[in-house]
Structure formats: structure tokens, C-alpha cells
Amino acid sequence: MSQRLEIWSKLPTMWKPQHFSELASTISLTELPQKIQSILQRQIQGRVLVKVSSS
């Protein structure tokens, strides 16, 4: 178990991707239908994070 905790503790520090902002984009829930169409047409690279809260 201690090895697992050690690995998890390294994820947000040592192993955090250097250019994460280039690998992912954040969209609102209202933008999702249009983004889904882009995904289906293979126009998207990386990850898409959907912000579902209003704050």
C-alpha cells in the first residue's frame, strides 16, 4: 500500500505533464453538442474537459 501512495503522490508533482494546457481544452456544457460533432469528424486532438458547474 505504501508504494501505491508514493506513486499517487508523484502524479501531481514529478509526473505532471509539462504542457497539459496544450493536451486538453475546457468547454462548457452548452458547447458539448458542437464539440461532439468535431470529435466524430476526427477534428479534435487531445482531451476535452467539460465544465458542468456554473461557477
N, C-alpha and C. Protein backbone atom coordinates (compact mmCIF):
# COMPACT_ATOMS: atom_id res chain seq x y z
N MET A 1 0.82 -1.20 0.00
CA MET A 1 0.00 0.00 0.00
C MET A 1 0.87 1.26 0.00
N SER A 2 1.99 1.25 0.68
CA SER A 2 2.82 2.45 0.73
C SER A 2 3.38 2.80 -0.65
N GLN A 3 3.67 1.78 -1.47
CA GLN A 3 4.15 2.04 -2.82
C GLN A 3 3.07 2.73 -3.64
N ARG A 4 1.84 2.34 -3.46
CA ARG A 4 0.72 2.96 -4.16
C ARG A 4 0.60 4.43 -3.78
N LEU A 5 0.70 4.74 -2.48
CA LEU A 5 0.62 6.12 -2.03
C LEU A 5 1.78 6.95 -2.55
N GLU A 6 2.94 6.36 -2.61
CA GLU A 6 4.11 7.05 -3.14
C GLU A 6 3.91 7.42 -4.60
N ILE A 7 3.39 6.48 -5.37
CA ILE A 7 3.13 6.73 -6.79
C ILE A 7 2.09 7.83 -6.95
N TRP A 8 0.99 7.76 -6.19
CA TRP A 8 -0.06 8.78 -6.29
C TRP A 8 0.46 10.15 -5.89
N SER A 9 1.38 10.20 -4.94
CA SER A 9 1.91 11.50 -4.51
C SER A 9 2.80 12.12 -5.59
N LYS A 10 3.36 11.32 -6.48
CA LYS A 10 4.21 11.84 -7.55
C LYS A 10 3.41 12.35 -8.75
N LEU A 11 2.19 11.92 -8.91
CA LEU A 11 1.39 12.32 -10.07
C LEU A 11 1.21 13.83 -10.19
N PRO A 12 0.84 14.54 -9.14
CA PRO A 12 0.64 15.99 -9.32
C PRO A 12 1.93 16.80 -9.27
N THR A 13 3.06 16.16 -9.04
CA THR A 13 4.32 16.91 -8.92
C THR A 13 5.32 16.45 -9.97
N MET A 14 6.06 15.41 -9.69
CA MET A 14 7.12 14.95 -10.57
C MET A 14 6.62 14.47 -11.93
N TRP A 15 5.46 13.82 -11.95
CA TRP A 15 4.97 13.20 -13.18
C TRP A 15 3.87 14.01 -13.86
N LYS A 16 3.65 15.25 -13.42
CA LYS A 16 2.63 16.08 -14.03
C LYS A 16 3.08 16.45 -15.45
N PRO A 17 2.22 16.29 -16.44
CA PRO A 17 2.60 16.66 -17.82
C PRO A 17 3.01 18.12 -17.89
N GLN A 18 4.10 18.39 -18.57
CA GLN A 18 4.63 19.75 -18.68
C GLN A 18 3.72 20.67 -19.48
N HIS A 19 3.10 20.18 -20.51
CA HIS A 19 2.31 21.01 -21.41
C HIS A 19 0.85 20.56 -21.41
N PHE A 20 0.30 20.38 -20.22
CA PHE A 20 -1.07 19.87 -20.12
C PHE A 20 -2.06 20.78 -20.83
N SER A 21 -1.85 22.09 -20.76
CA SER A 21 -2.80 23.01 -21.39
C SER A 21 -2.86 22.82 -22.90
N GLU A 22 -1.79 22.28 -23.49
CA GLU A 22 -1.78 22.01 -24.93
C GLU A 22 -2.44 20.67 -25.26
N LEU A 23 -2.56 19.81 -24.26
CA LEU A 23 -3.12 18.48 -24.47
C LEU A 23 -4.63 18.42 -24.25
N ALA A 24 -5.16 19.43 -23.58
CA ALA A 24 -6.58 19.39 -23.24
C ALA A 24 -7.20 20.78 -23.41
N SER A 25 -8.49 20.78 -23.67
CA SER A 25 -9.24 22.03 -23.71
C SER A 25 -10.46 21.88 -22.82
N THR A 26 -10.92 23.00 -22.29
CA THR A 26 -12.08 23.01 -21.40
C THR A 26 -13.22 23.71 -22.11
N ILE A 27 -14.38 23.08 -22.07
CA ILE A 27 -15.57 23.66 -22.69
C ILE A 27 -16.71 23.66 -21.69
N SER A 28 -17.74 24.45 -21.98
CA SER A 28 -18.94 24.44 -21.14
C SER A 28 -19.89 23.35 -21.64
N LEU A 29 -20.86 23.08 -20.83
CA LEU A 29 -21.84 22.06 -21.19
C LEU A 29 -22.64 22.46 -22.43
N THR A 30 -22.85 23.74 -22.62
CA THR A 30 -23.60 24.20 -23.80
C THR A 30 -22.80 24.02 -25.08
N GLU A 31 -21.48 23.97 -24.99
CA GLU A 31 -20.63 23.78 -26.17
C GLU A 31 -20.48 22.31 -26.56
N LEU A 32 -20.95 21.42 -25.71
CA LEU A 32 -20.73 19.99 -25.91
C LEU A 32 -21.30 19.44 -27.21
N PRO A 33 -22.54 19.74 -27.61
CA PRO A 33 -23.05 19.16 -28.86
C PRO A 33 -22.18 19.48 -30.08
N GLN A 34 -21.71 20.72 -30.18
CA GLN A 34 -20.86 21.10 -31.30
C GLN A 34 -19.52 20.38 -31.23
N LYS A 35 -18.97 20.25 -30.03
CA LYS A 35 -17.68 19.58 -29.86
C LYS A 35 -17.80 18.09 -30.18
N ILE A 36 -18.94 17.48 -29.85
CA ILE A 36 -19.15 16.07 -30.17
C ILE A 36 -19.09 15.86 -31.68
N GLN A 37 -19.68 16.78 -32.43
CA GLN A 37 -19.62 16.67 -33.89
C GLN A 37 -18.18 16.74 -34.38
N SER A 38 -17.39 17.62 -33.80
CA SER A 38 -15.97 17.72 -34.17
C SER A 38 -15.21 16.44 -33.83
N ILE A 39 -15.55 15.85 -32.69
CA ILE A 39 -14.91 14.59 -32.29
C ILE A 39 -15.27 13.49 -33.29
N LEU A 40 -16.53 13.40 -33.66
CA LEU A 40 -16.97 12.37 -34.60
C LEU A 40 -16.35 12.54 -35.98
N GLN A 41 -16.00 13.77 -36.32
CA GLN A 41 -15.36 14.04 -37.61
C GLN A 41 -13.84 13.99 -37.50
N ARG A 42 -13.35 13.54 -36.36
CA ARG A 42 -11.90 13.39 -36.10
C ARG A 42 -11.14 14.70 -36.27
N GLN A 43 -11.73 15.78 -35.80
CA GLN A 43 -11.09 17.09 -35.89
C GLN A 43 -10.46 17.51 -34.56
N ILE A 44 -10.53 16.67 -33.56
CA ILE A 44 -10.06 17.01 -32.22
C ILE A 44 -8.85 16.16 -31.87
N GLN A 45 -7.83 16.80 -31.31
CA GLN A 45 -6.68 16.10 -30.77
C GLN A 45 -6.63 16.39 -29.28
N GLY A 46 -6.23 15.42 -28.50
CA GLY A 46 -6.12 15.62 -27.06
C GLY A 46 -7.42 15.32 -26.34
N ARG A 47 -7.55 15.90 -25.17
CA ARG A 47 -8.71 15.66 -24.32
C ARG A 47 -9.61 16.88 -24.28
N VAL A 48 -10.88 16.65 -24.03
CA VAL A 48 -11.84 17.72 -23.87
C VAL A 48 -12.45 17.57 -22.48
N LEU A 49 -12.29 18.59 -21.64
CA LEU A 49 -12.86 18.60 -20.30
C LEU A 49 -14.13 19.42 -20.34
N VAL A 50 -15.21 18.85 -19.84
CA VAL A 50 -16.49 19.56 -19.85
C VAL A 50 -16.76 20.11 -18.46
N LYS A 51 -16.84 21.42 -18.37
CA LYS A 51 -17.13 22.08 -17.10
C LYS A 51 -18.64 22.09 -16.92
N VAL A 52 -19.11 21.40 -15.89
CA VAL A 52 -20.55 21.28 -15.69
C VAL A 52 -21.08 22.21 -14.61
N SER A 53 -20.21 22.81 -13.82
CA SER A 53 -20.68 23.72 -12.78
C SER A 53 -20.83 25.12 -13.33
N SER A 54 -21.63 25.93 -12.68
CA SER A 54 -21.85 27.29 -13.14
C SER A 54 -20.85 28.27 -12.56
N SER A 55 -20.03 27.85 -11.63
CA SER A 55 -19.05 28.76 -11.02
C SER A 55 -17.68 28.64 -11.65
